[in-house]
Amino acid sequence: MADVRTLLKRDEGYAIHSLIDIAENPGTSTSDVAERLQLPPAFTAKVVRKLVTAGFVVSHTGRSGGLSLAVDLERVSLLDVIEGISGRVVLDTCETEVRCATQQRTGDCRLKFAWFATSEQIRAVLTSVKLAQFCNLPAAVE
């Protein structure tokens, strides 16, 4: 079997799954999220802290505490969560440089355009996918 390299970091994937679980189980605890998703509890706690810091989740302490959403998942995209956890998504770090290594060496880099174009396509796809479409929520009673 060939080696696999994911585009998402582990904490980004866990964050997305955790947000969906919290939406489906308001008031849940971090340990319950970890158990339901079969994730390592300590790492799940770190991910939940990142979700709180990024403003996606509110953590209430006390007897009637637990985790709840601070956002509407109809408006939250995969890109929002990924960037909220880890920062701006780019395909290659040369996109963050005014002049990449090749430009510094030769004065021109035709590859840089490909990195920008590919990053923008990836960003567009991730922006188009909203987390609410993955939630199993009861239908509203009219």
Protein backbone atom coordinates (compact mmCIF):
# COMPACT_ATOMS: atom_id res chain seq x y z
CA MET A 1 0.00 0.00 0.00
CA ALA A 2 1.28 3.46 -0.88
CA ASP A 3 1.84 6.06 1.79
CA VAL A 4 -1.07 8.44 2.38
CA ARG A 5 -0.71 12.13 3.04
CA THR A 6 -3.88 13.97 3.97
CA LEU A 7 -4.48 17.60 3.13
CA LEU A 8 -6.14 18.21 6.49
CA LYS A 9 -4.22 18.18 9.72
CA ARG A 10 -5.60 15.80 12.31
CA ASP A 11 -6.89 18.61 14.55
CA GLU A 12 -8.73 20.21 11.61
CA GLY A 13 -10.58 16.98 10.83
CA TYR A 14 -11.36 16.41 14.51
CA ALA A 15 -12.65 19.99 14.78
CA ILE A 16 -15.08 19.49 11.91
CA HIS A 17 -16.36 16.20 13.33
CA SER A 18 -16.59 17.71 16.82
CA LEU A 19 -18.66 20.68 15.63
CA ILE A 20 -21.12 18.36 13.94
CA ASP A 21 -21.34 16.21 17.08
CA ILE A 22 -21.88 19.26 19.31
CA ALA A 23 -24.64 20.49 16.98
CA GLU A 24 -26.36 17.12 17.26
CA ASN A 25 -25.82 16.89 21.04
CA PRO A 26 -26.13 20.38 22.57
CA GLY A 27 -24.89 20.58 26.14
CA THR A 28 -22.57 17.62 25.63
CA SER A 29 -19.20 17.30 27.34
CA THR A 30 -15.81 17.10 25.68
CA SER A 31 -15.34 13.58 27.01
CA ASP A 32 -18.67 12.52 25.50
CA VAL A 33 -17.66 14.01 22.14
CA ALA A 34 -14.41 12.04 22.28
CA GLU A 35 -16.24 8.84 23.21
CA ARG A 36 -18.91 9.14 20.50
CA LEU A 37 -16.33 9.96 17.83
CA GLN A 38 -13.84 7.41 19.18
CA LEU A 39 -11.12 10.06 19.39
CA PRO A 40 -8.32 10.41 21.95
CA PRO A 41 -9.83 12.37 24.89
CA ALA A 42 -6.80 14.59 25.57
CA PHE A 43 -6.43 15.55 21.92
CA THR A 44 -10.18 16.14 21.62
CA ALA A 45 -9.97 18.51 24.60
CA LYS A 46 -7.23 20.50 22.80
CA VAL A 47 -9.35 20.66 19.65
CA VAL A 48 -12.43 21.82 21.61
CA ARG A 49 -10.32 24.55 23.24
CA LYS A 50 -9.29 25.70 19.76
CA LEU A 51 -12.98 25.73 18.72
CA VAL A 52 -13.81 27.84 21.76
CA THR A 53 -10.93 30.24 21.09
CA ALA A 54 -11.95 30.54 17.42
CA GLY A 55 -15.53 31.40 18.48
CA PHE A 56 -17.28 28.32 17.10
CA VAL A 57 -18.20 26.79 20.47
CA VAL A 58 -19.15 28.04 23.93
CA SER A 59 -18.17 26.02 26.97
CA HIS A 60 -20.44 26.41 29.99
CA THR A 61 -19.16 25.26 33.37
CA GLY A 62 -21.19 23.95 36.25
CA ARG A 63 -23.91 21.40 36.77
CA SER A 64 -25.95 22.40 33.72
CA GLY A 65 -22.85 23.16 31.68
CA GLY A 66 -21.52 21.62 28.53
CA LEU A 67 -20.65 22.60 25.00
CA SER A 68 -22.91 24.49 22.65
CA LEU A 69 -22.52 26.09 19.26
CA ALA A 70 -21.75 29.80 19.08
CA VAL A 71 -22.38 29.86 15.32
CA ASP A 72 -24.98 28.81 12.79
CA LEU A 73 -23.61 25.81 10.89
CA GLU A 74 -25.70 26.85 7.87
CA ARG A 75 -23.20 29.71 7.56
CA VAL A 76 -20.00 27.91 8.58
CA SER A 77 -17.94 26.33 5.81
CA LEU A 78 -15.25 23.70 5.95
CA LEU A 79 -12.78 26.47 5.10
CA ASP A 80 -13.99 28.58 8.04
CA VAL A 81 -13.24 25.77 10.48
CA ILE A 82 -9.90 24.79 8.93
CA GLU A 83 -8.69 28.38 8.93
CA GLY A 84 -10.14 29.01 12.39
CA ILE A 85 -8.07 26.14 13.74
CA SER A 86 -4.84 26.48 11.73
CA GLY A 87 -4.70 29.71 9.75
CA ARG A 88 -4.98 30.59 6.08
CA VAL A 89 -4.99 27.70 3.62
CA VAL A 90 -2.36 27.92 0.87
CA LEU A 91 -0.93 25.14 -1.23
CA ASP A 92 2.69 26.22 -0.96
CA THR A 93 4.47 28.70 1.29
CA CYS A 94 5.86 30.52 -1.73
CA GLU A 95 2.36 32.06 -2.00
CA THR A 96 3.09 33.97 1.18
CA GLU A 97 6.33 35.47 -0.16
CA VAL A 98 6.55 38.59 -2.30
CA ARG A 99 9.33 36.87 -4.24
CA CYS A 100 9.60 33.09 -3.92
CA ALA A 101 12.97 31.29 -3.96
CA THR A 102 12.86 30.78 -7.73
CA GLN A 103 12.01 34.45 -8.34
CA GLN A 104 14.91 35.48 -6.14
CA ARG A 105 17.24 33.19 -8.04
CA THR A 106 16.05 33.75 -11.63
CA GLY A 107 13.80 36.81 -11.50
CA ASP A 108 10.73 34.83 -12.66
CA CYS A 109 8.64 31.90 -11.45
CA ARG A 110 5.97 30.36 -13.66
CA LEU A 111 5.11 27.80 -10.97
CA LYS A 112 3.86 30.41 -8.49
CA PHE A 113 0.79 31.12 -10.64
CA ALA A 114 -0.14 27.42 -10.51
CA TRP A 115 0.10 27.45 -6.71
CA PHE A 116 -2.16 30.51 -6.48
CA ALA A 117 -4.71 29.15 -8.95
CA THR A 118 -4.86 25.74 -7.28
CA SER A 119 -5.16 27.27 -3.81
CA GLU A 120 -8.05 29.45 -4.94
CA GLN A 121 -9.89 26.45 -6.39
CA ILE A 122 -9.41 24.46 -3.19
CA ARG A 123 -10.55 27.45 -1.11
CA ALA A 124 -13.65 27.87 -3.30
CA VAL A 125 -14.67 24.23 -2.89
CA LEU A 126 -14.10 24.26 0.88
CA THR A 127 -16.09 27.52 1.15
CA SER A 128 -19.03 26.03 -0.73
CA VAL A 129 -19.48 23.17 1.75
CA LYS A 130 -21.43 24.17 4.88
CA LEU A 131 -21.29 22.04 8.02
CA ALA A 132 -25.06 21.98 8.52
CA GLN A 133 -25.45 19.62 5.57
CA PHE A 134 -23.70 16.91 7.60
CA CYS A 135 -25.79 17.23 10.76
CA ASN A 136 -28.56 14.80 11.66
CA LEU A 137 -30.89 17.21 13.39
CA PRO A 138 -34.57 16.61 14.08
CA ALA A 139 -36.87 18.40 11.65
CA ALA A 140 -38.47 21.56 12.98
CA VAL A 141 -42.09 21.20 14.04
CA GLU A 142 -44.34 23.67 12.28
